[in-house]
């Protein structure tokens, strides 16, 4: 049960797009992403977002290795 995810692949994909948008070259995109991310965390919970962030960090570490 410890390996059970608390998010769907679609939710992870949406979170990935939001976090990528935080580093956009366009200031308006970054502002929008911060607002959207705040709402996203409010809707889905910080624990779920932390779990997805760890997955994305692991994925990115593999790509950058």
C-alpha atoms as a PDB file:
ATOM      1  CA  UNK A   1       0.000   0.000   0.000  1.00  0.00           C
ATOM      2  CA  UNK A   2       2.977   2.343   0.523  1.00  0.00           C
ATOM      3  CA  UNK A   3       3.605   2.439  -3.251  1.00  0.00           C
ATOM      4  CA  UNK A   4       0.061   3.493  -4.068  1.00  0.00           C
ATOM      5  CA  UNK A   5      -0.079   6.850  -5.819  1.00  0.00           C
ATOM      6  CA  UNK A   6      -2.531   9.466  -4.676  1.00  0.00           C
ATOM      7  CA  UNK A   7      -2.728  11.122  -8.113  1.00  0.00           C
ATOM      8  CA  UNK A   8      -3.595  10.157 -11.664  1.00  0.00           C
ATOM      9  CA  UNK A   9      -1.285  10.373 -14.686  1.00  0.00           C
ATOM     10  CA  UNK A  10      -3.457  13.219 -16.004  1.00  0.00           C
ATOM     11  CA  UNK A  11      -3.067  15.146 -12.746  1.00  0.00           C
ATOM     12  CA  UNK A  12       0.706  14.634 -12.849  1.00  0.00           C
ATOM     13  CA  UNK A  13       0.780  15.911 -16.429  1.00  0.00           C
ATOM     14  CA  UNK A  14      -1.215  18.997 -15.438  1.00  0.00           C
ATOM     15  CA  UNK A  15       1.105  19.632 -12.485  1.00  0.00           C
ATOM     16  CA  UNK A  16       4.126  19.207 -14.755  1.00  0.00           C
ATOM     17  CA  UNK A  17       2.805  21.842 -17.164  1.00  0.00           C
ATOM     18  CA  UNK A  18       2.129  24.229 -14.278  1.00  0.00           C
ATOM     19  CA  UNK A  19       5.599  23.843 -12.790  1.00  0.00           C
ATOM     20  CA  UNK A  20       7.248  24.228 -16.204  1.00  0.00           C
ATOM     21  CA  UNK A  21       5.304  27.419 -16.784  1.00  0.00           C
ATOM     22  CA  UNK A  22       6.880  28.861 -13.615  1.00  0.00           C
ATOM     23  CA  UNK A  23      10.173  29.146 -15.498  1.00  0.00           C
ATOM     24  CA  UNK A  24       8.731  30.671 -18.668  1.00  0.00           C
ATOM     25  CA  UNK A  25      10.577  33.565 -20.244  1.00  0.00           C
ATOM     26  CA  UNK A  26       7.265  35.452 -20.342  1.00  0.00           C
ATOM     27  CA  UNK A  27       6.524  37.273 -17.109  1.00  0.00           C
ATOM     28  CA  UNK A  28       2.755  36.973 -17.542  1.00  0.00           C
ATOM     29  CA  UNK A  29       3.081  33.189 -17.866  1.00  0.00           C
ATOM     30  CA  UNK A  30       5.059  33.044 -14.611  1.00  0.00           C
ATOM     31  CA  UNK A  31       2.516  35.208 -12.778  1.00  0.00           C
ATOM     32  CA  UNK A  32      -0.366  33.132 -14.102  1.00  0.00           C
ATOM     33  CA  UNK A  33       1.426  29.916 -13.142  1.00  0.00           C
ATOM     34  CA  UNK A  34       1.957  31.101  -9.553  1.00  0.00           C
ATOM     35  CA  UNK A  35      -1.730  31.896  -9.223  1.00  0.00           C
ATOM     36  CA  UNK A  36      -2.788  28.646 -10.876  1.00  0.00           C
ATOM     37  CA  UNK A  37      -0.389  26.612  -8.753  1.00  0.00           C
ATOM     38  CA  UNK A  38      -1.770  28.147  -5.568  1.00  0.00           C
ATOM     39  CA  UNK A  39      -5.274  27.101  -6.625  1.00  0.00           C
ATOM     40  CA  UNK A  40      -4.054  23.657  -7.717  1.00  0.00           C
ATOM     41  CA  UNK A  41      -2.436  23.027  -4.313  1.00  0.00           C
ATOM     42  CA  UNK A  42      -5.594  24.222  -2.591  1.00  0.00           C
ATOM     43  CA  UNK A  43      -7.698  21.775  -4.629  1.00  0.00           C
ATOM     44  CA  UNK A  44      -5.452  18.709  -4.460  1.00  0.00           C
ATOM     45  CA  UNK A  45      -3.474  19.166  -1.253  1.00  0.00           C
ATOM     46  CA  UNK A  46       0.154  19.920  -0.522  1.00  0.00           C
ATOM     47  CA  UNK A  47       0.972  16.261   0.192  1.00  0.00           C
ATOM     48  CA  UNK A  48      -0.157  15.169  -3.273  1.00  0.00           C
ATOM     49  CA  UNK A  49       1.744  18.035  -4.901  1.00  0.00           C
ATOM     50  CA  UNK A  50       4.886  17.209  -2.918  1.00  0.00           C
ATOM     51  CA  UNK A  51       4.587  13.595  -4.064  1.00  0.00           C
ATOM     52  CA  UNK A  52       4.226  14.635  -7.703  1.00  0.00           C
ATOM     53  CA  UNK A  53       7.103  17.120  -7.399  1.00  0.00           C
ATOM     54  CA  UNK A  54       9.373  14.335  -6.129  1.00  0.00           C
ATOM     55  CA  UNK A  55       8.401  12.200  -9.137  1.00  0.00           C
ATOM     56  CA  UNK A  56       9.181  15.054 -11.527  1.00  0.00           C
ATOM     57  CA  UNK A  57      12.525  15.738  -9.846  1.00  0.00           C
ATOM     58  CA  UNK A  58      13.456  12.070 -10.174  1.00  0.00           C
ATOM     59  CA  UNK A  59      12.451  12.092 -13.844  1.00  0.00           C
ATOM     60  CA  UNK A  60      14.446  15.244 -14.527  1.00  0.00           C
ATOM     61  CA  UNK A  61      17.500  13.881 -12.711  1.00  0.00           C
ATOM     62  CA  UNK A  62      17.465  10.869 -15.049  1.00  0.00           C
ATOM     63  CA  UNK A  63      17.229  13.134 -18.114  1.00  0.00           C
ATOM     64  CA  UNK A  64      20.076  15.348 -16.913  1.00  0.00           C
ATOM     65  CA  UNK A  65      22.405  12.493 -15.928  1.00  0.00           C
END
